[in-house]
Amino acid sequence: MNWRKSTYSGGGEGNTCVEIAELATRIAIRDSKAPTRATLSVPAPAFTAFVEGVKRHSRSGA
């Protein structure tokens, strides 16, 4: 699996972030501070909808 960190990682040393890995039909998500622990896997369309919702919320200033 090819993991990558979010470009919007927390401040400081970037130690408060998640990593994602794109699979055929799902997105795997894990805590970058504990990469050997459990991962969460969600359908790719659900992850895309989540990210778009966060972007809309962020732009609205709410």
Protein backbone atom coordinates (compact mmCIF):
# COMPACT_ATOMS: atom_id res chain seq x y z
CA MET A 1 0.00 0.00 0.00
CA ASN A 2 1.27 3.48 -0.85
CA TRP A 3 0.50 5.77 2.11
CA ARG A 4 0.69 9.56 1.89
CA LYS A 5 0.22 12.29 4.48
CA SER A 6 -2.36 15.01 4.16
CA THR A 7 -1.05 18.30 2.79
CA TYR A 8 -3.15 19.97 5.50
CA SER A 9 -1.30 18.37 8.41
CA GLY A 10 -1.36 20.12 11.75
CA GLY A 11 1.14 22.83 12.64
CA GLY A 12 4.43 22.37 14.42
CA GLU A 13 6.28 19.27 13.35
CA GLY A 14 3.33 17.91 11.38
CA ASN A 15 2.77 15.15 13.91
CA THR A 16 -1.02 15.51 14.07
CA CYS A 17 -2.14 14.17 10.75
CA VAL A 18 -3.63 11.21 8.99
CA GLU A 19 -2.34 9.23 6.07
CA ILE A 20 -4.41 7.81 3.25
CA ALA A 21 -3.86 5.08 0.71
CA GLU A 22 -5.95 4.80 -2.42
CA LEU A 23 -7.19 1.30 -3.19
CA ALA A 24 -9.20 0.12 -6.19
CA THR A 25 -12.60 1.09 -4.76
CA ARG A 26 -11.84 2.23 -1.22
CA ILE A 27 -9.70 4.73 0.70
CA ALA A 28 -7.68 3.46 3.66
CA ILE A 29 -7.03 5.92 6.49
CA ARG A 30 -4.60 5.63 9.40
CA ASP A 31 -3.05 7.73 12.17
CA SER A 32 0.44 8.80 11.11
CA LYS A 33 1.64 8.59 14.74
CA ALA A 34 0.61 4.92 15.00
CA PRO A 35 0.99 3.45 11.50
CA THR A 36 1.03 -0.18 12.68
CA ARG A 37 -2.29 0.11 14.48
CA ALA A 38 -5.74 -0.30 12.95
CA THR A 39 -6.81 1.40 9.74
CA LEU A 40 -10.20 2.60 8.59
CA SER A 41 -11.37 1.80 5.08
CA VAL A 42 -14.28 3.60 3.40
CA PRO A 43 -15.75 3.52 -0.10
CA ALA A 44 -13.98 6.05 -2.35
CA PRO A 45 -17.20 7.97 -3.18
CA ALA A 46 -17.98 8.40 0.54
CA PHE A 47 -14.47 9.73 1.21
CA THR A 48 -14.76 12.15 -1.71
CA ALA A 49 -18.11 13.41 -0.39
CA PHE A 50 -16.60 13.85 3.08
CA VAL A 51 -13.64 15.87 1.76
CA GLU A 52 -15.92 18.06 -0.37
CA GLY A 53 -18.16 18.69 2.64
CA VAL A 54 -15.18 19.74 4.74
CA LYS A 55 -14.03 22.09 1.99
CA ARG A 56 -17.49 23.70 1.72
CA HIS A 57 -17.71 24.10 5.49
CA SER A 58 -14.23 25.65 5.61
CA ARG A 59 -15.02 28.16 2.84
CA SER A 60 -18.29 29.19 4.49
CA GLY A 61 -16.47 30.23 7.66
CA ALA A 62 -18.82 28.20 9.80
